C-alpha atoms as a PDB file:
ATOM      1  CA  MET A   1       1.901  11.813  -5.638  1.00  0.00           C
ATOM      2  CA  LYS A   2       5.068   9.714  -5.687  1.00  0.00           C
ATOM      3  CA  VAL A   3       6.934   9.083  -2.444  1.00  0.00           C
ATOM      4  CA  GLN A   4      10.028   7.109  -1.500  1.00  0.00           C
ATOM      5  CA  ILE A   5       9.455   4.833   1.483  1.00  0.00           C
ATOM      6  CA  LEU A   6      12.009   5.264   4.291  1.00  0.00           C
ATOM      7  CA  SER A   7      10.657   2.746   6.809  1.00  0.00           C
ATOM      8  CA  GLY A   8       8.244  -0.183   6.614  1.00  0.00           C
ATOM      9  CA  VAL A   9       4.626   0.937   6.335  1.00  0.00           C
ATOM     10  CA  MET A  10       1.168  -0.418   5.510  1.00  0.00           C
ATOM     11  CA  ILE A  11      -0.568   1.347   2.628  1.00  0.00           C
ATOM     12  CA  ARG A  12      -4.175   0.277   2.004  1.00  0.00           C
ATOM     13  CA  GLY A  13      -3.452  -3.172   3.419  1.00  0.00           C
ATOM     14  CA  THR A  14      -0.188  -3.694   1.512  1.00  0.00           C
ATOM     15  CA  ALA A  15       3.125  -3.888   3.379  1.00  0.00           C
ATOM     16  CA  VAL A  16       5.764  -1.667   1.760  1.00  0.00           C
ATOM     17  CA  PHE A  17       9.434  -1.774   2.750  1.00  0.00           C
ATOM     18  CA  PRO A  18      12.249   0.732   2.028  1.00  0.00           C
ATOM     19  CA  LYS A  19      13.973  -1.508  -0.524  1.00  0.00           C
ATOM     20  CA  THR A  20      12.519  -3.665  -3.287  1.00  0.00           C
ATOM     21  CA  GLY A  21      14.500  -6.622  -4.579  1.00  0.00           C
ATOM     22  CA  GLU A  22      17.388  -8.522  -3.083  1.00  0.00           C
ATOM     23  CA  GLY A  23      21.146  -8.041  -2.828  1.00  0.00           C
ATOM     24  CA  LYS A  24      22.681  -5.969  -5.615  1.00  0.00           C
ATOM     25  CA  ASN A  25      19.291  -5.690  -7.336  1.00  0.00           C
ATOM     26  CA  ALA A  26      17.703  -3.844  -4.389  1.00  0.00           C
ATOM     27  CA  VAL A  27      16.253  -0.454  -5.294  1.00  0.00           C
ATOM     28  CA  ASP A  28      14.449   2.232  -3.295  1.00  0.00           C
ATOM     29  CA  SER A  29      10.687   1.683  -3.023  1.00  0.00           C
ATOM     30  CA  ILE A  30       8.720   4.354  -4.892  1.00  0.00           C
ATOM     31  CA  VAL A  31       4.910   4.294  -4.643  1.00  0.00           C
ATOM     32  CA  ASP A  32       2.118   6.497  -5.971  1.00  0.00           C
ATOM     33  CA  VAL A  33      -0.300   7.579  -3.222  1.00  0.00           C
ATOM     34  CA  THR A  34      -2.868  10.314  -2.699  1.00  0.00           C
ATOM     35  CA  LYS A  35      -1.664  13.699  -1.497  1.00  0.00           C
ATOM     36  CA  ALA A  36      -3.284  13.100   1.899  1.00  0.00           C
ATOM     37  CA  GLU A  37      -1.520   9.748   2.308  1.00  0.00           C
ATOM     38  CA  ALA A  38       1.767  11.309   1.172  1.00  0.00           C
ATOM     39  CA  ARG A  39       1.411  14.130   3.682  1.00  0.00           C
ATOM     40  CA  ASP A  40       0.764  11.679   6.529  1.00  0.00           C
ATOM     41  CA  LEU A  41       3.703   9.454   5.551  1.00  0.00           C
ATOM     42  CA  VAL A  42       6.115  12.393   5.226  1.00  0.00           C
ATOM     43  CA  GLN A  43       5.010  13.972   8.520  1.00  0.00           C
ATOM     44  CA  ALA A  44       5.493  10.617  10.276  1.00  0.00           C
ATOM     45  CA  GLY A  45       9.006  10.281   8.839  1.00  0.00           C
ATOM     46  CA  GLN A  46       8.089   7.105   6.958  1.00  0.00           C
ATOM     47  CA  ALA A  47       8.547   8.574   3.468  1.00  0.00           C
ATOM     48  CA  LYS A  48       9.919  11.506   1.518  1.00  0.00           C
ATOM     49  CA  VAL A  49       8.730  13.066  -1.718  1.00  0.00           C
ATOM     50  CA  ALA A  50      10.317  11.197  -4.644  1.00  0.00           C
ATOM     51  CA  ALA A  51      12.388  12.900  -7.325  1.00  0.00           C
ATOM     52  CA  LYS A  52      10.404  14.252 -10.275  1.00  0.00           C
ATOM     53  CA  GLY A  53      11.722  11.642 -12.720  1.00  0.00           C
ATOM     54  CA  ALA A  54      11.213   8.699 -10.363  1.00  0.00           C
ATOM     55  CA  LYS A  55       9.145   5.776 -11.610  1.00  0.00           C
ATOM     56  CA  ASN A  56       6.833   3.657  -9.476  1.00  0.00           C
ATOM     57  CA  ASN A  57       8.298   0.260  -8.704  1.00  0.00           C
ATOM     58  CA  ILE A  58       5.531  -0.886  -6.350  1.00  0.00           C
ATOM     59  CA  GLU A  59       1.852  -0.977  -7.281  1.00  0.00           C
ATOM     60  CA  ILE A  60      -0.676  -0.616  -4.471  1.00  0.00           C
ATOM     61  CA  LYS A  61      -3.909  -2.397  -5.371  1.00  0.00           C
ATOM     62  CA  GLU A  62      -7.234  -1.465  -3.857  1.00  0.00           C
ATOM     63  CA  PRO A  63      -8.414  -4.074  -1.364  1.00  0.00           C
ATOM     64  CA  GLU A  64     -11.218  -6.241  -2.717  1.00  0.00           C
ATOM     65  CA  ALA A  65     -14.405  -6.917  -0.866  1.00  0.00           C
ATOM     66  CA  GLU A  66     -13.751 -10.146   0.987  1.00  0.00           C
ATOM     67  CA  ALA A  67     -17.280 -10.413   2.339  1.00  0.00           C
ATOM     68  CA  ASP A  68     -18.692 -11.189  -1.113  1.00  0.00           C
ATOM     69  CA  GLU A  69     -16.271 -14.064  -1.652  1.00  0.00           C
ATOM     70  CA  LEU A  70     -16.928 -15.414   1.835  1.00  0.00           C
ATOM     71  CA  ASP A  71     -20.695 -15.276   1.225  1.00  0.00           C
ATOM     72  CA  LYS A  72     -20.237 -17.259  -1.989  1.00  0.00           C
ATOM     73  CA  PHE A  73     -18.204 -19.891  -0.147  1.00  0.00           C
ATOM     74  CA  PHE A  74     -20.304 -20.192   3.012  1.00  0.00           C
ATOM     75  CA  GLY A  75     -23.690 -19.171   1.647  1.00  0.00           C
ATOM     76  CA  GLU A  76     -25.920 -16.342   2.769  1.00  0.00           C
ATOM     77  CA  ASP A  77     -26.293 -15.484   6.440  1.00  0.00           C
ATOM     78  CA  ASP A  78     -29.394 -17.247   7.766  1.00  0.00           C
ATOM     79  CA  GLU A  79     -29.387 -15.529  11.145  1.00  0.00           C
ATOM     80  CA  PRO A  80     -31.686 -12.525  11.583  1.00  0.00           C
ATOM     81  CA  GLU A  81     -29.999  -9.248  12.410  1.00  0.00           C
ATOM     82  CA  GLU A  82     -30.645  -7.750  15.831  1.00  0.00           C
END
């Protein structure tokens, strides 16, 4: 579901602000979120449902597993679990 962001918010670890771009090129931030996320954002006054023809101008990426990359860098955990 597409929503227009009205105030700064974190969505799945990504900071989203009401406007995208700078100066005269600034446009309203439109993001595609789940219906549950949209409901929460609208009820909190942080977003409103976007117009039907609105296009996404911000892509929210799923957070990647950081633990795997850290394990590769530091090696496996040698300590036994309690």
